[in-house]
């Protein structure tokens, strides 16, 4: 067992992992290396206005774009990319649009 000062960090793709596995994690196409904030909220504002006709949107602050989300980053409809550490907790282990899972889903074995 190593102390916190003795952790061996290993670079795997754009990530650094302590005690990384011997098999590399897949690279995620188009995964940003850091969060991207465009400053625009034009698309989100329009969607929020449309949704407000159906339900109270005061607690809704985010419209995700799951097709553009990649790896550990979730995209919104305005082109912002956020490091997703909580919201979509089920995707933390495998990442958004995981290429290995996408390929496996095309298999006849599923």
PDB file of N, CA and C in Angstrom:
ATOM      1  N   UNK A   1       0.851  -1.174   0.000  1.00  0.00           N
ATOM      2  CA  UNK A   1       0.000   0.000   0.000  1.00  0.00           C
ATOM      3  C   UNK A   1       0.895   1.233   0.000  1.00  0.00           C
ATOM      4  N   UNK A   2       0.598   2.171  -0.872  1.00  0.00           N
ATOM      5  CA  UNK A   2       1.388   3.393  -0.966  1.00  0.00           C
ATOM      6  C   UNK A   2       0.693   4.529  -0.227  1.00  0.00           C
ATOM      7  N   UNK A   3       1.481   5.410   0.328  1.00  0.00           N
ATOM      8  CA  UNK A   3       0.890   6.598   0.939  1.00  0.00           C
ATOM      9  C   UNK A   3       0.484   7.562  -0.172  1.00  0.00           C
ATOM     10  N   UNK A   4      -0.228   8.616   0.175  1.00  0.00           N
ATOM     11  CA  UNK A   4      -0.688   9.579  -0.816  1.00  0.00           C
ATOM     12  C   UNK A   4       0.487  10.213  -1.557  1.00  0.00           C
ATOM     13  N   UNK A   5       1.636  10.344  -0.891  1.00  0.00           N
ATOM     14  CA  UNK A   5       2.807  10.949  -1.532  1.00  0.00           C
ATOM     15  C   UNK A   5       3.478  10.000  -2.518  1.00  0.00           C
ATOM     16  N   UNK A   6       3.191   8.718  -2.451  1.00  0.00           N
ATOM     17  CA  UNK A   6       3.862   7.727  -3.272  1.00  0.00           C
ATOM     18  C   UNK A   6       2.998   7.214  -4.422  1.00  0.00           C
ATOM     19  N   UNK A   7       1.881   7.853  -4.709  1.00  0.00           N
ATOM     20  CA  UNK A   7       0.988   7.401  -5.775  1.00  0.00           C
ATOM     21  C   UNK A   7       1.693   7.556  -7.106  1.00  0.00           C
ATOM     22  N   UNK A   8       1.667   6.509  -7.915  1.00  0.00           N
ATOM     23  CA  UNK A   8       2.268   6.546  -9.250  1.00  0.00           C
ATOM     24  C   UNK A   8       1.199   6.945 -10.253  1.00  0.00           C
ATOM     25  N   UNK A   9       1.297   8.159 -10.760  1.00  0.00           N
ATOM     26  CA  UNK A   9       0.320   8.640 -11.739  1.00  0.00           C
ATOM     27  C   UNK A   9       0.768   8.232 -13.119  1.00  0.00           C
ATOM     28  N   UNK A  10      -0.168   7.714 -13.909  1.00  0.00           N
ATOM     29  CA  UNK A  10       0.121   7.248 -15.259  1.00  0.00           C
ATOM     30  C   UNK A  10      -0.799   7.974 -16.228  1.00  0.00           C
ATOM     31  N   UNK A  11      -0.223   8.481 -17.325  1.00  0.00           N
ATOM     32  CA  UNK A  11      -1.043   9.160 -18.326  1.00  0.00           C
ATOM     33  C   UNK A  11      -1.665   8.119 -19.243  1.00  0.00           C
ATOM     34  N   UNK A  12      -2.985   8.178 -19.369  1.00  0.00           N
ATOM     35  CA  UNK A  12      -3.734   7.289 -20.249  1.00  0.00           C
ATOM     36  C   UNK A  12      -4.615   8.176 -21.116  1.00  0.00           C
ATOM     37  N   UNK A  13      -4.253   8.353 -22.377  1.00  0.00           N
ATOM     38  CA  UNK A  13      -4.980   9.274 -23.239  1.00  0.00           C
ATOM     39  C   UNK A  13      -4.830  10.682 -22.701  1.00  0.00           C
ATOM     40  N   UNK A  14      -5.941  11.352 -22.435  1.00  0.00           N
ATOM     41  CA  UNK A  14      -5.898  12.701 -21.873  1.00  0.00           C
ATOM     42  C   UNK A  14      -6.063  12.680 -20.360  1.00  0.00           C
ATOM     43  N   UNK A  15      -6.111  11.480 -19.768  1.00  0.00           N
ATOM     44  CA  UNK A  15      -6.337  11.351 -18.334  1.00  0.00           C
ATOM     45  C   UNK A  15      -5.060  10.932 -17.614  1.00  0.00           C
ATOM     46  N   UNK A  16      -4.968  11.295 -16.343  1.00  0.00           N
ATOM     47  CA  UNK A  16      -3.915  10.809 -15.470  1.00  0.00           C
ATOM     48  C   UNK A  16      -4.581   9.971 -14.395  1.00  0.00           C
ATOM     49  N   UNK A  17      -4.112   8.755 -14.224  1.00  0.00           N
ATOM     50  CA  UNK A  17      -4.736   7.846 -13.275  1.00  0.00           C
ATOM     51  C   UNK A  17      -3.713   7.329 -12.280  1.00  0.00           C
ATOM     52  N   UNK A  18      -4.155   7.195 -11.049  1.00  0.00           N
ATOM     53  CA  UNK A  18      -3.328   6.533 -10.047  1.00  0.00           C
ATOM     54  C   UNK A  18      -3.561   5.040 -10.196  1.00  0.00           C
ATOM     55  N   UNK A  19      -2.520   4.266 -10.188  1.00  0.00           N
ATOM     56  CA  UNK A  19      -2.631   2.814 -10.291  1.00  0.00           C
ATOM     57  C   UNK A  19      -3.451   2.407 -11.515  1.00  0.00           C
ATOM     58  N   UNK A  20      -3.082   2.934 -12.665  1.00  0.00           N
ATOM     59  CA  UNK A  20      -3.818   2.664 -13.900  1.00  0.00           C
ATOM     60  C   UNK A  20      -3.727   1.191 -14.276  1.00  0.00           C
ATOM     61  N   UNK A  21      -4.784   0.654 -14.874  1.00  0.00           N
ATOM     62  CA  UNK A  21      -4.748  -0.742 -15.303  1.00  0.00           C
ATOM     63  C   UNK A  21      -3.748  -0.925 -16.439  1.00  0.00           C
ATOM     64  N   UNK A  22      -3.316  -2.163 -16.643  1.00  0.00           N
ATOM     65  CA  UNK A  22      -2.377  -2.453 -17.718  1.00  0.00           C
ATOM     66  C   UNK A  22      -3.007  -2.289 -19.097  1.00  0.00           C
ATOM     67  N   UNK A  23      -4.307  -2.525 -19.186  1.00  0.00           N
ATOM     68  CA  UNK A  23      -4.976  -2.341 -20.466  1.00  0.00           C
ATOM     69  C   UNK A  23      -5.435  -0.902 -20.562  1.00  0.00           C
ATOM     70  N   UNK A  24      -5.132  -0.224 -21.664  1.00  0.00           N
ATOM     71  CA  UNK A  24      -5.487   1.192 -21.758  1.00  0.00           C
ATOM     72  C   UNK A  24      -6.987   1.397 -21.930  1.00  0.00           C
ATOM     73  N   UNK A  25      -7.466   2.532 -21.446  1.00  0.00           N
ATOM     74  CA  UNK A  25      -8.841   2.907 -21.687  1.00  0.00           C
ATOM     75  C   UNK A  25      -8.940   3.409 -23.119  1.00  0.00           C
ATOM     76  N   UNK A  26     -10.084   3.260 -23.749  1.00  0.00           N
ATOM     77  CA  UNK A  26     -10.202   3.741 -25.130  1.00  0.00           C
ATOM     78  C   UNK A  26     -10.161   5.265 -25.174  1.00  0.00           C
ATOM     79  N   UNK A  27      -9.602   5.783 -26.254  1.00  0.00           N
ATOM     80  CA  UNK A  27      -9.709   7.221 -26.481  1.00  0.00           C
ATOM     81  C   UNK A  27     -11.128   7.506 -26.920  1.00  0.00           C
ATOM     82  N   UNK A  28     -11.655   8.614 -26.487  1.00  0.00           N
ATOM     83  CA  UNK A  28     -12.999   9.011 -26.878  1.00  0.00           C
ATOM     84  C   UNK A  28     -12.867  10.057 -27.974  1.00  0.00           C
ATOM     85  N   UNK A  29     -13.471   9.782 -29.127  1.00  0.00           N
ATOM     86  CA  UNK A  29     -13.398  10.767 -30.204  1.00  0.00           C
ATOM     87  C   UNK A  29     -13.985  12.099 -29.758  1.00  0.00           C
ATOM     88  N   UNK A  30     -13.292  13.168 -30.053  1.00  0.00           N
ATOM     89  CA  UNK A  30     -13.753  14.537 -29.786  1.00  0.00           C
ATOM     90  C   UNK A  30     -13.878  14.882 -28.308  1.00  0.00           C
ATOM     91  N   UNK A  31     -13.273  14.086 -27.418  1.00  0.00           N
ATOM     92  CA  UNK A  31     -13.341  14.449 -25.999  1.00  0.00           C
ATOM     93  C   UNK A  31     -12.432  15.650 -25.750  1.00  0.00           C
ATOM     94  N   UNK A  32     -12.964  16.728 -25.174  1.00  0.00           N
ATOM     95  CA  UNK A  32     -12.103  17.874 -24.893  1.00  0.00           C
ATOM     96  C   UNK A  32     -11.079  17.530 -23.823  1.00  0.00           C
ATOM     97  N   UNK A  33      -9.968  18.228 -23.820  1.00  0.00           N
ATOM     98  CA  UNK A  33      -8.962  18.007 -22.784  1.00  0.00           C
ATOM     99  C   UNK A  33      -9.238  18.865 -21.551  1.00  0.00           C
ATOM    100  N   UNK A  34     -10.203  19.789 -21.671  1.00  0.00           N
ATOM    101  CA  UNK A  34     -10.602  20.658 -20.564  1.00  0.00           C
ATOM    102  C   UNK A  34     -12.008  21.173 -20.856  1.00  0.00           C
ATOM    103  N   UNK A  35     -12.704  21.663 -19.837  1.00  0.00           N
ATOM    104  CA  UNK A  35     -14.025  22.234 -20.088  1.00  0.00           C
ATOM    105  C   UNK A  35     -13.966  23.386 -21.101  1.00  0.00           C
ATOM    106  N   UNK A  36     -15.041  23.538 -21.870  1.00  0.00           N
ATOM    107  CA  UNK A  36     -15.150  24.611 -22.858  1.00  0.00           C
ATOM    108  C   UNK A  36     -16.430  25.380 -22.550  1.00  0.00           C
ATOM    109  N   UNK A  37     -16.307  26.679 -22.352  1.00  0.00           N
ATOM    110  CA  UNK A  37     -17.477  27.507 -22.077  1.00  0.00           C
ATOM    111  C   UNK A  37     -17.520  28.610 -23.125  1.00  0.00           C
ATOM    112  N   UNK A  38     -18.562  28.593 -23.947  1.00  0.00           N
ATOM    113  CA  UNK A  38     -18.671  29.547 -25.044  1.00  0.00           C
ATOM    114  C   UNK A  38     -19.235  30.888 -24.598  1.00  0.00           C
ATOM    115  N   UNK A  39     -19.946  30.904 -23.483  1.00  0.00           N
ATOM    116  CA  UNK A  39     -20.580  32.129 -23.022  1.00  0.00           C
ATOM    117  C   UNK A  39     -21.948  32.364 -23.645  1.00  0.00           C
ATOM    118  N   UNK A  40     -22.317  31.535 -24.592  1.00  0.00           N
ATOM    119  CA  UNK A  40     -23.611  31.672 -25.252  1.00  0.00           C
ATOM    120  C   UNK A  40     -24.656  30.841 -24.519  1.00  0.00           C
ATOM    121  N   UNK A  41     -25.874  31.360 -24.492  1.00  0.00           N
ATOM    122  CA  UNK A  41     -26.988  30.578 -23.940  1.00  0.00           C
ATOM    123  C   UNK A  41     -28.222  30.730 -24.823  1.00  0.00           C
ATOM    124  N   UNK A  42     -28.003  31.083 -26.080  1.00  0.00           N
ATOM    125  CA  UNK A  42     -29.103  31.338 -27.006  1.00  0.00           C
ATOM    126  C   UNK A  42     -30.007  30.124 -27.177  1.00  0.00           C
ATOM    127  N   UNK A  43     -29.430  28.961 -27.463  1.00  0.00           N
ATOM    128  CA  UNK A  43     -30.230  27.754 -27.674  1.00  0.00           C
ATOM    129  C   UNK A  43     -30.925  27.310 -26.390  1.00  0.00           C
ATOM    130  N   UNK A  44     -30.210  27.381 -25.273  1.00  0.00           N
ATOM    131  CA  UNK A  44     -30.809  26.999 -23.994  1.00  0.00           C
ATOM    132  C   UNK A  44     -31.981  27.892 -23.646  1.00  0.00           C
ATOM    133  N   UNK A  45     -31.830  29.190 -23.876  1.00  0.00           N
ATOM    134  CA  UNK A  45     -32.918  30.127 -23.565  1.00  0.00           C
ATOM    135  C   UNK A  45     -34.156  29.829 -24.410  1.00  0.00           C
ATOM    136  N   UNK A  46     -33.951  29.518 -25.686  1.00  0.00           N
ATOM    137  CA  UNK A  46     -35.090  29.206 -26.561  1.00  0.00           C
ATOM    138  C   UNK A  46     -35.780  27.913 -26.121  1.00  0.00           C
ATOM    139  N   UNK A  47     -34.996  26.893 -25.768  1.00  0.00           N
ATOM    140  CA  UNK A  47     -35.586  25.630 -25.308  1.00  0.00           C
ATOM    141  C   UNK A  47     -36.309  25.810 -23.975  1.00  0.00           C
ATOM    142  N   UNK A  48     -35.728  26.617 -23.095  1.00  0.00           N
ATOM    143  CA  UNK A  48     -36.363  26.853 -21.797  1.00  0.00           C
ATOM    144  C   UNK A  48     -37.706  27.566 -21.977  1.00  0.00           C
ATOM    145  N   UNK A  49     -37.756  28.502 -22.914  1.00  0.00           N
ATOM    146  CA  UNK A  49     -39.008  29.204 -23.187  1.00  0.00           C
ATOM    147  C   UNK A  49     -40.073  28.255 -23.725  1.00  0.00           C
ATOM    148  N   UNK A  50     -39.680  27.360 -24.640  1.00  0.00           N
ATOM    149  CA  UNK A  50     -40.632  26.370 -25.171  1.00  0.00           C
ATOM    150  C   UNK A  50     -41.116  25.430 -24.079  1.00  0.00           C
ATOM    151  N   UNK A  51     -40.183  24.976 -23.233  1.00  0.00           N
ATOM    152  CA  UNK A  51     -40.542  24.033 -22.178  1.00  0.00           C
ATOM    153  C   UNK A  51     -41.419  24.699 -21.126  1.00  0.00           C
ATOM    154  N   UNK A  52     -41.240  25.991 -20.907  1.00  0.00           N
ATOM    155  CA  UNK A  52     -42.009  26.708 -19.897  1.00  0.00           C
ATOM    156  C   UNK A  52     -43.505  26.694 -20.207  1.00  0.00           C
ATOM    157  N   UNK A  53     -43.850  26.510 -21.479  1.00  0.00           N
ATOM    158  CA  UNK A  53     -45.268  26.403 -21.845  1.00  0.00           C
ATOM    159  C   UNK A  53     -45.866  25.089 -21.340  1.00  0.00           C
ATOM    160  N   UNK A  54     -45.022  24.108 -21.043  1.00  0.00           N
ATOM    161  CA  UNK A  54     -45.487  22.786 -20.610  1.00  0.00           C
ATOM    162  C   UNK A  54     -45.322  22.550 -19.117  1.00  0.00           C
ATOM    163  N   UNK A  55     -44.280  23.154 -18.530  1.00  0.00           N
ATOM    164  CA  UNK A  55     -44.023  22.931 -17.109  1.00  0.00           C
ATOM    165  C   UNK A  55     -43.193  24.086 -16.557  1.00  0.00           C
ATOM    166  N   UNK A  56     -43.142  24.174 -15.247  1.00  0.00           N
ATOM    167  CA  UNK A  56     -42.358  25.215 -14.586  1.00  0.00           C
ATOM    168  C   UNK A  56     -40.877  24.907 -14.775  1.00  0.00           C
ATOM    169  N   UNK A  57     -40.141  25.821 -15.382  1.00  0.00           N
ATOM    170  CA  UNK A  57     -38.729  25.568 -15.696  1.00  0.00           C
ATOM    171  C   UNK A  57     -37.764  26.308 -14.778  1.00  0.00           C
ATOM    172  N   UNK A  58     -38.244  26.862 -13.674  1.00  0.00           N
ATOM    173  CA  UNK A  58     -37.339  27.622 -12.804  1.00  0.00           C
ATOM    174  C   UNK A  58     -36.227  26.767 -12.230  1.00  0.00           C
ATOM    175  N   UNK A  59     -36.423  25.464 -12.110  1.00  0.00           N
ATOM    176  CA  UNK A  59     -35.360  24.611 -11.580  1.00  0.00           C
ATOM    177  C   UNK A  59     -34.526  23.963 -12.678  1.00  0.00           C
ATOM    178  N   UNK A  60     -34.918  24.113 -13.921  1.00  0.00           N
ATOM    179  CA  UNK A  60     -34.162  23.540 -15.028  1.00  0.00           C
ATOM    180  C   UNK A  60     -33.126  24.520 -15.536  1.00  0.00           C
ATOM    181  N   UNK A  61     -31.875  24.105 -15.570  1.00  0.00           N
ATOM    182  CA  UNK A  61     -30.814  25.025 -15.972  1.00  0.00           C
ATOM    183  C   UNK A  61     -29.926  24.454 -17.076  1.00  0.00           C
ATOM    184  N   UNK A  62     -30.246  23.285 -17.597  1.00  0.00           N
ATOM    185  CA  UNK A  62     -29.288  22.621 -18.484  1.00  0.00           C
ATOM    186  C   UNK A  62     -30.028  21.778 -19.518  1.00  0.00           C
ATOM    187  N   UNK A  63     -29.679  21.960 -20.772  1.00  0.00           N
ATOM    188  CA  UNK A  63     -30.200  21.121 -21.849  1.00  0.00           C
ATOM    189  C   UNK A  63     -29.017  20.387 -22.468  1.00  0.00           C
ATOM    190  N   UNK A  64     -28.914  19.100 -22.217  1.00  0.00           N
ATOM    191  CA  UNK A  64     -27.767  18.309 -22.664  1.00  0.00           C
ATOM    192  C   UNK A  64     -27.876  17.965 -24.146  1.00  0.00           C
ATOM    193  N   UNK A  65     -26.725  17.851 -24.785  1.00  0.00           N
ATOM    194  CA  UNK A  65     -26.616  17.357 -26.153  1.00  0.00           C
ATOM    195  C   UNK A  65     -25.815  16.059 -26.072  1.00  0.00           C
ATOM    196  N   UNK A  66     -26.529  14.945 -25.941  1.00  0.00           N
ATOM    197  CA  UNK A  66     -25.869  13.663 -25.714  1.00  0.00           C
ATOM    198  C   UNK A  66     -25.092  13.171 -26.924  1.00  0.00           C
ATOM    199  N   UNK A  67     -25.459  13.597 -28.123  1.00  0.00           N
ATOM    200  CA  UNK A  67     -24.705  13.187 -29.312  1.00  0.00           C
ATOM    201  C   UNK A  67     -23.319  13.804 -29.325  1.00  0.00           C
ATOM    202  N   UNK A  68     -23.163  15.011 -28.824  1.00  0.00           N
ATOM    203  CA  UNK A  68     -21.866  15.681 -28.793  1.00  0.00           C
ATOM    204  C   UNK A  68     -21.060  15.363 -27.544  1.00  0.00           C
ATOM    205  N   UNK A  69     -21.710  14.846 -26.509  1.00  0.00           N
ATOM    206  CA  UNK A  69     -21.009  14.498 -25.279  1.00  0.00           C
ATOM    207  C   UNK A  69     -20.038  13.359 -25.554  1.00  0.00           C
ATOM    208  N   UNK A  70     -18.869  13.416 -24.901  1.00  0.00           N
ATOM    209  CA  UNK A  70     -17.843  12.410 -25.175  1.00  0.00           C
ATOM    210  C   UNK A  70     -16.988  12.179 -23.939  1.00  0.00           C
ATOM    211  N   UNK A  71     -16.737  10.908 -23.639  1.00  0.00           N
ATOM    212  CA  UNK A  71     -15.901  10.577 -22.489  1.00  0.00           C
ATOM    213  C   UNK A  71     -16.527  11.068 -21.207  1.00  0.00           C
ATOM    214  N   UNK A  72     -15.772  11.844 -20.458  1.00  0.00           N
ATOM    215  CA  UNK A  72     -16.261  12.377 -19.184  1.00  0.00           C
ATOM    216  C   UNK A  72     -16.867  13.766 -19.314  1.00  0.00           C
ATOM    217  N   UNK A  73     -17.023  14.240 -20.539  1.00  0.00           N
ATOM    218  CA  UNK A  73     -17.538  15.594 -20.759  1.00  0.00           C
ATOM    219  C   UNK A  73     -18.941  15.548 -21.342  1.00  0.00           C
ATOM    220  N   UNK A  74     -19.830  16.318 -20.715  1.00  0.00           N
ATOM    221  CA  UNK A  74     -21.196  16.428 -21.206  1.00  0.00           C
ATOM    222  C   UNK A  74     -21.323  17.771 -21.915  1.00  0.00           C
ATOM    223  N   UNK A  75     -21.948  17.755 -23.073  1.00  0.00           N
ATOM    224  CA  UNK A  75     -22.135  18.972 -23.864  1.00  0.00           C
ATOM    225  C   UNK A  75     -23.549  19.494 -23.664  1.00  0.00           C
ATOM    226  N   UNK A  76     -23.704  20.803 -23.810  1.00  0.00           N
ATOM    227  CA  UNK A  76     -25.050  21.356 -23.810  1.00  0.00           C
ATOM    228  C   UNK A  76     -25.384  21.850 -25.213  1.00  0.00           C
ATOM    229  N   UNK A  77     -26.597  22.319 -25.392  1.00  0.00           N
ATOM    230  CA  UNK A  77     -27.070  22.706 -26.722  1.00  0.00           C
ATOM    231  C   UNK A  77     -26.416  23.988 -27.228  1.00  0.00           C
ATOM    232  N   UNK A  78     -25.649  24.668 -26.380  1.00  0.00           N
ATOM    233  CA  UNK A  78     -24.951  25.886 -26.790  1.00  0.00           C
ATOM    234  C   UNK A  78     -23.478  25.643 -27.107  1.00  0.00           C
ATOM    235  N   UNK A  79     -23.049  24.386 -27.098  1.00  0.00           N
ATOM    236  CA  UNK A  79     -21.663  24.077 -27.431  1.00  0.00           C
ATOM    237  C   UNK A  79     -20.695  24.145 -26.270  1.00  0.00           C
ATOM    238  N   UNK A  80     -21.218  24.231 -25.044  1.00  0.00           N
ATOM    239  CA  UNK A  80     -20.365  24.195 -23.860  1.00  0.00           C
ATOM    240  C   UNK A  80     -20.097  22.738 -23.490  1.00  0.00           C
ATOM    241  N   UNK A  81     -18.906  22.478 -22.981  1.00  0.00           N
ATOM    242  CA  UNK A  81     -18.544  21.131 -22.526  1.00  0.00           C
ATOM    243  C   UNK A  81     -18.134  21.223 -21.064  1.00  0.00           C
ATOM    244  N   UNK A  82     -18.774  20.407 -20.235  1.00  0.00           N
ATOM    245  CA  UNK A  82     -18.514  20.413 -18.806  1.00  0.00           C
ATOM    246  C   UNK A  82     -18.002  19.049 -18.371  1.00  0.00           C
ATOM    247  N   UNK A  83     -17.027  19.046 -17.469  1.00  0.00           N
ATOM    248  CA  UNK A  83     -16.577  17.804 -16.874  1.00  0.00           C
ATOM    249  C   UNK A  83     -17.709  17.308 -15.983  1.00  0.00           C
ATOM    250  N   UNK A  84     -18.276  16.173 -16.328  1.00  0.00           N
ATOM    251  CA  UNK A  84     -19.456  15.666 -15.623  1.00  0.00           C
ATOM    252  C   UNK A  84     -19.012  14.747 -14.491  1.00  0.00           C
ATOM    253  N   UNK A  85     -19.078  15.258 -13.286  1.00  0.00           N
ATOM    254  CA  UNK A  85     -18.646  14.453 -12.145  1.00  0.00           C
ATOM    255  C   UNK A  85     -19.807  13.999 -11.271  1.00  0.00           C
ATOM    256  N   UNK A  86     -21.025  14.457 -11.552  1.00  0.00           N
ATOM    257  CA  UNK A  86     -22.153  14.095 -10.717  1.00  0.00           C
ATOM    258  C   UNK A  86     -23.437  13.794 -11.435  1.00  0.00           C
ATOM    259  N   UNK A  87     -23.847  14.671 -12.323  1.00  0.00           N
ATOM    260  CA  UNK A  87     -25.193  14.613 -12.880  1.00  0.00           C
ATOM    261  C   UNK A  87     -25.565  13.261 -13.473  1.00  0.00           C
ATOM    262  N   UNK A  88     -24.795  12.758 -14.358  1.00  0.00           N
ATOM    263  CA  UNK A  88     -25.113  11.505 -15.052  1.00  0.00           C
ATOM    264  C   UNK A  88     -24.221  10.398 -14.492  1.00  0.00           C
ATOM    265  N   UNK A  89     -24.403  10.097 -13.241  1.00  0.00           N
ATOM    266  CA  UNK A  89     -23.465   9.223 -12.533  1.00  0.00           C
ATOM    267  C   UNK A  89     -23.312   7.847 -13.183  1.00  0.00           C
ATOM    268  N   UNK A  90     -24.327   7.380 -13.888  1.00  0.00           N
ATOM    269  CA  UNK A  90     -24.211   6.064 -14.526  1.00  0.00           C
ATOM    270  C   UNK A  90     -23.225   6.075 -15.680  1.00  0.00           C
ATOM    271  N   UNK A  91     -22.944   7.237 -16.251  1.00  0.00           N
ATOM    272  CA  UNK A  91     -22.012   7.286 -17.375  1.00  0.00           C
ATOM    273  C   UNK A  91     -20.570   7.528 -16.933  1.00  0.00           C
ATOM    274  N   UNK A  92     -20.346   7.761 -15.649  1.00  0.00           N
ATOM    275  CA  UNK A  92     -18.980   8.027 -15.198  1.00  0.00           C
ATOM    276  C   UNK A  92     -18.038   6.862 -15.475  1.00  0.00           C
ATOM    277  N   UNK A  93     -18.502   5.671 -15.275  1.00  0.00           N
ATOM    278  CA  UNK A  93     -17.625   4.505 -15.432  1.00  0.00           C
ATOM    279  C   UNK A  93     -17.279   4.208 -16.882  1.00  0.00           C
ATOM    280  N   UNK A  94     -18.176   4.482 -17.788  1.00  0.00           N
ATOM    281  CA  UNK A  94     -17.936   4.109 -19.193  1.00  0.00           C
ATOM    282  C   UNK A  94     -17.778   5.311 -20.109  1.00  0.00           C
ATOM    283  N   UNK A  95     -18.210   6.478 -19.697  1.00  0.00           N
ATOM    284  CA  UNK A  95     -18.099   7.681 -20.515  1.00  0.00           C
ATOM    285  C   UNK A  95     -19.216   7.796 -21.533  1.00  0.00           C
ATOM    286  N   UNK A  96     -19.440   9.006 -21.970  1.00  0.00           N
ATOM    287  CA  UNK A  96     -20.453   9.258 -23.000  1.00  0.00           C
ATOM    288  C   UNK A  96     -19.929   8.782 -24.340  1.00  0.00           C
ATOM    289  N   UNK A  97     -20.793   8.154 -25.115  1.00  0.00           N
ATOM    290  CA  UNK A  97     -20.470   7.696 -26.471  1.00  0.00           C
ATOM    291  C   UNK A  97     -19.190   6.865 -26.505  1.00  0.00           C
ATOM    292  N   UNK A  98     -19.127   5.910 -25.599  1.00  0.00           N
ATOM    293  CA  UNK A  98     -17.968   5.025 -25.508  1.00  0.00           C
ATOM    294  C   UNK A  98     -17.834   4.221 -26.801  1.00  0.00           C
ATOM    295  N   UNK A  99     -16.700   4.347 -27.526  1.00  0.00           N
ATOM    296  CA  UNK A  99     -16.565   3.655 -28.805  1.00  0.00           C
ATOM    297  C   UNK A  99     -16.565   2.130 -28.676  1.00  0.00           C
ATOM    298  N   UNK A 100     -16.064   1.606 -27.561  1.00  0.00           N
ATOM    299  CA  UNK A 100     -16.060   0.145 -27.364  1.00  0.00           C
ATOM    300  C   UNK A 100     -17.487  -0.359 -27.186  1.00  0.00           C
ATOM    301  N   UNK A 101     -18.284   0.348 -26.391  1.00  0.00           N
ATOM    302  CA  UNK A 101     -19.677  -0.064 -26.196  1.00  0.00           C
ATOM    303  C   UNK A 101     -20.496   0.131 -27.465  1.00  0.00           C
ATOM    304  N   UNK A 102     -20.236   1.201 -28.207  1.00  0.00           N
ATOM    305  CA  UNK A 102     -20.961   1.433 -29.455  1.00  0.00           C
ATOM    306  C   UNK A 102     -20.694   0.304 -30.451  1.00  0.00           C
ATOM    307  N   UNK A 103     -19.458  -0.134 -30.525  1.00  0.00           N
ATOM    308  CA  UNK A 103     -19.111  -1.247 -31.420  1.00  0.00           C
ATOM    309  C   UNK A 103     -19.744  -2.554 -30.938  1.00  0.00           C
ATOM    310  N   UNK A 104     -19.719  -2.779 -29.639  1.00  0.00           N
ATOM    311  CA  UNK A 104     -20.323  -4.002 -29.087  1.00  0.00           C
ATOM    312  C   UNK A 104     -21.820  -4.031 -29.317  1.00  0.00           C
ATOM    313  N   UNK A 105     -22.465  -2.869 -29.269  1.00  0.00           N
ATOM    314  CA  UNK A 105     -23.923  -2.804 -29.476  1.00  0.00           C
ATOM    315  C   UNK A 105     -24.308  -3.191 -30.910  1.00  0.00           C
ATOM    316  N   UNK A 106     -23.376  -3.061 -31.838  1.00  0.00           N
ATOM    317  CA  UNK A 106     -23.646  -3.429 -33.231  1.00  0.00           C
ATOM    318  C   UNK A 106     -23.512  -4.945 -33.465  1.00  0.00           C
ATOM    319  N   UNK A 107     -22.946  -5.631 -32.494  1.00  0.00           N
ATOM    320  CA  UNK A 107     -22.698  -7.056 -32.608  1.00  0.00           C
ATOM    321  C   UNK A 107     -23.986  -7.866 -32.542  1.00  0.00           C
ATOM    322  N   UNK A 108     -24.007  -8.985 -33.226  1.00  0.00           N
ATOM    323  CA  UNK A 108     -25.150  -9.887 -33.184  1.00  0.00           C
ATOM    324  C   UNK A 108     -25.251 -10.612 -31.842  1.00  0.00           C
ATOM    325  N   UNK A 109     -24.189 -10.574 -31.042  1.00  0.00           N
ATOM    326  CA  UNK A 109     -24.172 -11.238 -29.741  1.00  0.00           C
ATOM    327  C   UNK A 109     -25.067 -10.538 -28.731  1.00  0.00           C
ATOM    328  N   UNK A 110     -25.457  -9.319 -28.973  1.00  0.00           N
ATOM    329  CA  UNK A 110     -26.318  -8.582 -28.056  1.00  0.00           C
ATOM    330  C   UNK A 110     -27.692  -8.998 -28.317  1.00  0.00           C
TER     331      UNK A 110
END
